[in-house]
C-alpha atoms as a PDB file:
ATOM      1  CA  MET A   1       9.127   0.401 -29.492  1.00  0.00           C
ATOM      2  CA  TYR A   2       8.879   3.382 -31.784  1.00  0.00           C
ATOM      3  CA  GLU A   3       5.991   4.196 -34.074  1.00  0.00           C
ATOM      4  CA  LYS A   4       4.755   6.986 -36.292  1.00  0.00           C
ATOM      5  CA  GLU A   5       2.127   9.218 -34.775  1.00  0.00           C
ATOM      6  CA  ASN A   6      -0.773  10.368 -36.958  1.00  0.00           C
ATOM      7  CA  GLY A   7       1.261   9.780 -40.111  1.00  0.00           C
ATOM      8  CA  LYS A   8       3.244  12.963 -39.473  1.00  0.00           C
ATOM      9  CA  GLY A   9       6.503  11.178 -38.795  1.00  0.00           C
ATOM     10  CA  SER A  10       6.875  12.233 -35.155  1.00  0.00           C
ATOM     11  CA  LEU A  11       8.103   9.400 -32.989  1.00  0.00           C
ATOM     12  CA  THR A  12       6.478   8.075 -29.874  1.00  0.00           C
ATOM     13  CA  MET A  13       7.826   5.477 -27.480  1.00  0.00           C
ATOM     14  CA  THR A  14       6.387   3.254 -24.822  1.00  0.00           C
ATOM     15  CA  LEU A  15       7.038   3.994 -21.161  1.00  0.00           C
ATOM     16  CA  LYS A  16       9.420   1.036 -20.996  1.00  0.00           C
ATOM     17  CA  ALA A  17      11.364   2.240 -24.041  1.00  0.00           C
ATOM     18  CA  ALA A  18      11.621   5.728 -22.534  1.00  0.00           C
ATOM     19  CA  ARG A  19      12.931   4.245 -19.278  1.00  0.00           C
ATOM     20  CA  THR A  20      15.476   2.004 -20.973  1.00  0.00           C
ATOM     21  CA  ASN A  21      16.596   4.843 -23.277  1.00  0.00           C
ATOM     22  CA  ALA A  22      17.265   6.837 -20.100  1.00  0.00           C
ATOM     23  CA  ASN A  23      19.480   3.922 -18.953  1.00  0.00           C
ATOM     24  CA  LEU A  24      17.333   3.268 -15.897  1.00  0.00           C
ATOM     25  CA  THR A  25      16.363  -0.077 -14.477  1.00  0.00           C
ATOM     26  CA  LEU A  26      12.826  -0.696 -13.258  1.00  0.00           C
ATOM     27  CA  GLU A  27      14.145  -0.472  -9.708  1.00  0.00           C
ATOM     28  CA  GLN A  28      16.011   2.817 -10.267  1.00  0.00           C
ATOM     29  CA  ALA A  29      13.046   4.470 -11.969  1.00  0.00           C
ATOM     30  CA  SER A  30      10.532   3.302  -9.375  1.00  0.00           C
ATOM     31  CA  GLU A  31      12.743   4.584  -6.549  1.00  0.00           C
ATOM     32  CA  SER A  32      13.155   7.968  -8.251  1.00  0.00           C
ATOM     33  CA  LEU A  33       9.398   8.201  -8.831  1.00  0.00           C
ATOM     34  CA  HIS A  34       8.615   7.034  -5.258  1.00  0.00           C
ATOM     35  CA  ILE A  35       6.414   4.175  -6.427  1.00  0.00           C
ATOM     36  CA  SER A  36       6.764   0.400  -6.223  1.00  0.00           C
ATOM     37  CA  ARG A  37       8.334  -1.648  -9.004  1.00  0.00           C
ATOM     38  CA  ALA A  38       5.020  -3.484  -9.401  1.00  0.00           C
ATOM     39  CA  THR A  39       3.181  -0.189  -9.931  1.00  0.00           C
ATOM     40  CA  LEU A  40       5.675   0.997 -12.543  1.00  0.00           C
ATOM     41  CA  CYS A  41       5.486  -2.384 -14.245  1.00  0.00           C
ATOM     42  CA  GLY A  42       1.696  -2.027 -14.352  1.00  0.00           C
ATOM     43  CA  TYR A  43       2.045   1.353 -16.058  1.00  0.00           C
ATOM     44  CA  GLU A  44       4.539  -0.029 -18.570  1.00  0.00           C
ATOM     45  CA  ASN A  45       2.290  -3.002 -19.357  1.00  0.00           C
ATOM     46  CA  GLY A  46      -0.814  -0.836 -19.752  1.00  0.00           C
ATOM     47  CA  LYS A  47      -2.674  -2.483 -16.877  1.00  0.00           C
ATOM     48  CA  VAL A  48      -3.149   0.816 -15.036  1.00  0.00           C
ATOM     49  CA  SER A  49      -2.777   4.463 -16.028  1.00  0.00           C
ATOM     50  CA  PRO A  50      -0.484   6.899 -14.193  1.00  0.00           C
ATOM     51  CA  THR A  51      -1.749  10.229 -12.886  1.00  0.00           C
ATOM     52  CA  VAL A  52      -0.929  13.386 -14.818  1.00  0.00           C
ATOM     53  CA  ASP A  53       1.441  14.427 -12.035  1.00  0.00           C
ATOM     54  CA  LEU A  54       3.310  11.135 -12.304  1.00  0.00           C
ATOM     55  CA  VAL A  55       3.459  11.362 -16.095  1.00  0.00           C
ATOM     56  CA  LEU A  56       5.132  14.769 -15.759  1.00  0.00           C
ATOM     57  CA  LYS A  57       7.641  13.289 -13.299  1.00  0.00           C
ATOM     58  CA  MET A  58       8.353  10.447 -15.743  1.00  0.00           C
ATOM     59  CA  CYS A  59       8.916  12.939 -18.563  1.00  0.00           C
ATOM     60  CA  ASP A  60      11.377  14.827 -16.396  1.00  0.00           C
ATOM     61  CA  LEU A  61      13.165  11.664 -15.258  1.00  0.00           C
ATOM     62  CA  TYR A  62      13.305  10.122 -18.741  1.00  0.00           C
ATOM     63  CA  LYS A  63      14.084  13.474 -20.395  1.00  0.00           C
ATOM     64  CA  VAL A  64      11.291  13.216 -22.956  1.00  0.00           C
ATOM     65  CA  GLY A  65       8.313  15.373 -23.844  1.00  0.00           C
ATOM     66  CA  ILE A  66       4.830  14.182 -22.995  1.00  0.00           C
ATOM     67  CA  ASN A  67       3.985  14.081 -26.701  1.00  0.00           C
ATOM     68  CA  GLN A  68       6.781  11.530 -27.203  1.00  0.00           C
ATOM     69  CA  LEU A  69       5.186   8.934 -24.913  1.00  0.00           C
ATOM     70  CA  ASN A  70       2.783   6.213 -25.950  1.00  0.00           C
ATOM     71  CA  PHE A  71       0.792   4.840 -23.024  1.00  0.00           C
ATOM     72  CA  LEU A  72      -0.116   1.601 -24.749  1.00  0.00           C
ATOM     73  CA  PRO A  73       2.113  -1.419 -24.021  1.00  0.00           C
END
């Protein structure tokens, strides 16, 4: 899911979209991040929020900037 941010035309994407754009399955991403699939699924569905440290790891793994991520499902 892509959307405009603040009307300025910059694109944001959900955590799931960032993961799938990086061609990673839920299992592959969770293993690389050293968390369970259920935990990653919770982050992607907006049920829980990741720590700042984990967000930075996700950005590195998914090859996106933190300003490109939308933490709402």
